[in-house]
Amino acid sequence: MPAPFPKVLGLGTLGRMALAINRFLIRTSRSRFSYQIVVVAESTPDVDFVLRDAKQRSDLRDVANG
């Protein structure tokens, strides 16, 4: 994936030229000139989980406070 030059430099001549050069360089050496993003995502807990967790925490506070 090429670097997002048009987002940085705009959609004009400079942005398009930088993108074209980057694409050419990627073809010559992908590992050196490509741009990658890794996303680590977790799902949002569902309502049942939130309610159970809140109940458990409340019970623990009650036990700790006597």
C-alpha atoms as a PDB file:
ATOM      1  CA  MET A   1       0.000   0.000   0.000  1.00  0.00           C
ATOM      2  CA  PRO A   2       1.490   3.353  -0.916  1.00  0.00           C
ATOM      3  CA  ALA A   3       1.911   6.103   1.666  1.00  0.00           C
ATOM      4  CA  PRO A   4      -1.017   8.564   1.843  1.00  0.00           C
ATOM      5  CA  PHE A   5       0.824  11.398   0.089  1.00  0.00           C
ATOM      6  CA  PRO A   6      -2.327  13.023  -1.357  1.00  0.00           C
ATOM      7  CA  LYS A   7      -3.734  13.393   2.161  1.00  0.00           C
ATOM      8  CA  VAL A   8      -0.565  15.170   3.266  1.00  0.00           C
ATOM      9  CA  LEU A   9       0.395  17.045   0.116  1.00  0.00           C
ATOM     10  CA  GLY A  10      -3.042  17.494  -1.425  1.00  0.00           C
ATOM     11  CA  LEU A  11      -4.485  16.237  -4.693  1.00  0.00           C
ATOM     12  CA  GLY A  12      -2.375  18.571  -6.824  1.00  0.00           C
ATOM     13  CA  THR A  13       0.674  17.817  -8.927  1.00  0.00           C
ATOM     14  CA  LEU A  14       3.027  17.355  -5.977  1.00  0.00           C
ATOM     15  CA  GLY A  15       0.759  14.835  -4.240  1.00  0.00           C
ATOM     16  CA  ARG A  16       0.183  12.848  -7.437  1.00  0.00           C
ATOM     17  CA  MET A  17       3.909  12.854  -8.304  1.00  0.00           C
ATOM     18  CA  ALA A  18       4.890  11.668  -4.819  1.00  0.00           C
ATOM     19  CA  LEU A  19       2.289   8.897  -5.043  1.00  0.00           C
ATOM     20  CA  ALA A  20       3.517   7.801  -8.489  1.00  0.00           C
ATOM     21  CA  ILE A  21       7.135   7.716  -7.301  1.00  0.00           C
ATOM     22  CA  ASN A  22       6.134   5.777  -4.189  1.00  0.00           C
ATOM     23  CA  ARG A  23       4.206   3.219  -6.278  1.00  0.00           C
ATOM     24  CA  PHE A  24       7.252   2.775  -8.540  1.00  0.00           C
ATOM     25  CA  LEU A  25       9.531   2.269  -5.530  1.00  0.00           C
ATOM     26  CA  ILE A  26       7.102  -0.255  -4.023  1.00  0.00           C
ATOM     27  CA  ARG A  27       7.317  -2.287  -7.216  1.00  0.00           C
ATOM     28  CA  THR A  28      11.120  -2.325  -6.940  1.00  0.00           C
ATOM     29  CA  SER A  29      11.208  -3.271  -3.230  1.00  0.00           C
ATOM     30  CA  ARG A  30       7.946  -3.893  -1.406  1.00  0.00           C
ATOM     31  CA  SER A  31       9.486  -4.415   2.016  1.00  0.00           C
ATOM     32  CA  ARG A  32      11.437  -1.173   1.881  1.00  0.00           C
ATOM     33  CA  PHE A  33       8.937   1.286   0.427  1.00  0.00           C
ATOM     34  CA  SER A  34       5.462   0.042   1.275  1.00  0.00           C
ATOM     35  CA  TYR A  35       3.295   1.506   4.015  1.00  0.00           C
ATOM     36  CA  GLN A  36       1.391  -0.793   6.345  1.00  0.00           C
ATOM     37  CA  ILE A  37      -0.905  -0.355   9.299  1.00  0.00           C
ATOM     38  CA  VAL A  38      -1.604  -2.997  11.914  1.00  0.00           C
ATOM     39  CA  VAL A  39      -4.740  -2.613  13.988  1.00  0.00           C
ATOM     40  CA  VAL A  40      -5.333  -4.568  17.172  1.00  0.00           C
ATOM     41  CA  ALA A  41      -8.995  -4.330  18.093  1.00  0.00           C
ATOM     42  CA  GLU A  42     -11.159  -5.667  20.860  1.00  0.00           C
ATOM     43  CA  SER A  43     -14.908  -5.951  20.787  1.00  0.00           C
ATOM     44  CA  THR A  44     -17.012  -3.731  22.992  1.00  0.00           C
ATOM     45  CA  PRO A  45     -18.462  -5.668  25.927  1.00  0.00           C
ATOM     46  CA  ASP A  46     -22.155  -6.379  25.690  1.00  0.00           C
ATOM     47  CA  VAL A  47     -24.727  -5.128  28.202  1.00  0.00           C
ATOM     48  CA  ASP A  48     -24.884  -8.444  30.072  1.00  0.00           C
ATOM     49  CA  PHE A  49     -21.134  -8.381  30.684  1.00  0.00           C
ATOM     50  CA  VAL A  50     -21.228  -4.772  31.931  1.00  0.00           C
ATOM     51  CA  LEU A  51     -24.079  -5.549  34.319  1.00  0.00           C
ATOM     52  CA  ARG A  52     -22.403  -8.709  35.692  1.00  0.00           C
ATOM     53  CA  ASP A  53     -19.111  -6.843  36.134  1.00  0.00           C
ATOM     54  CA  ALA A  54     -20.823  -3.946  37.932  1.00  0.00           C
ATOM     55  CA  LYS A  55     -22.637  -6.389  40.236  1.00  0.00           C
ATOM     56  CA  GLN A  56     -19.417  -8.252  41.065  1.00  0.00           C
ATOM     57  CA  ARG A  57     -17.564  -5.018  41.815  1.00  0.00           C
ATOM     58  CA  SER A  58     -20.446  -3.819  43.983  1.00  0.00           C
ATOM     59  CA  ASP A  59     -20.491  -7.113  45.900  1.00  0.00           C
ATOM     60  CA  LEU A  60     -16.723  -6.902  46.460  1.00  0.00           C
ATOM     61  CA  ARG A  61     -17.067  -3.364  47.832  1.00  0.00           C
ATOM     62  CA  ASP A  62     -19.865  -4.498  50.157  1.00  0.00           C
ATOM     63  CA  VAL A  63     -17.704  -7.360  51.494  1.00  0.00           C
ATOM     64  CA  ALA A  64     -14.679  -5.066  51.943  1.00  0.00           C
ATOM     65  CA  ASN A  65     -16.741  -2.418  53.756  1.00  0.00           C
ATOM     66  CA  GLY A  66     -18.294  -4.955  56.118  1.00  0.00           C
END
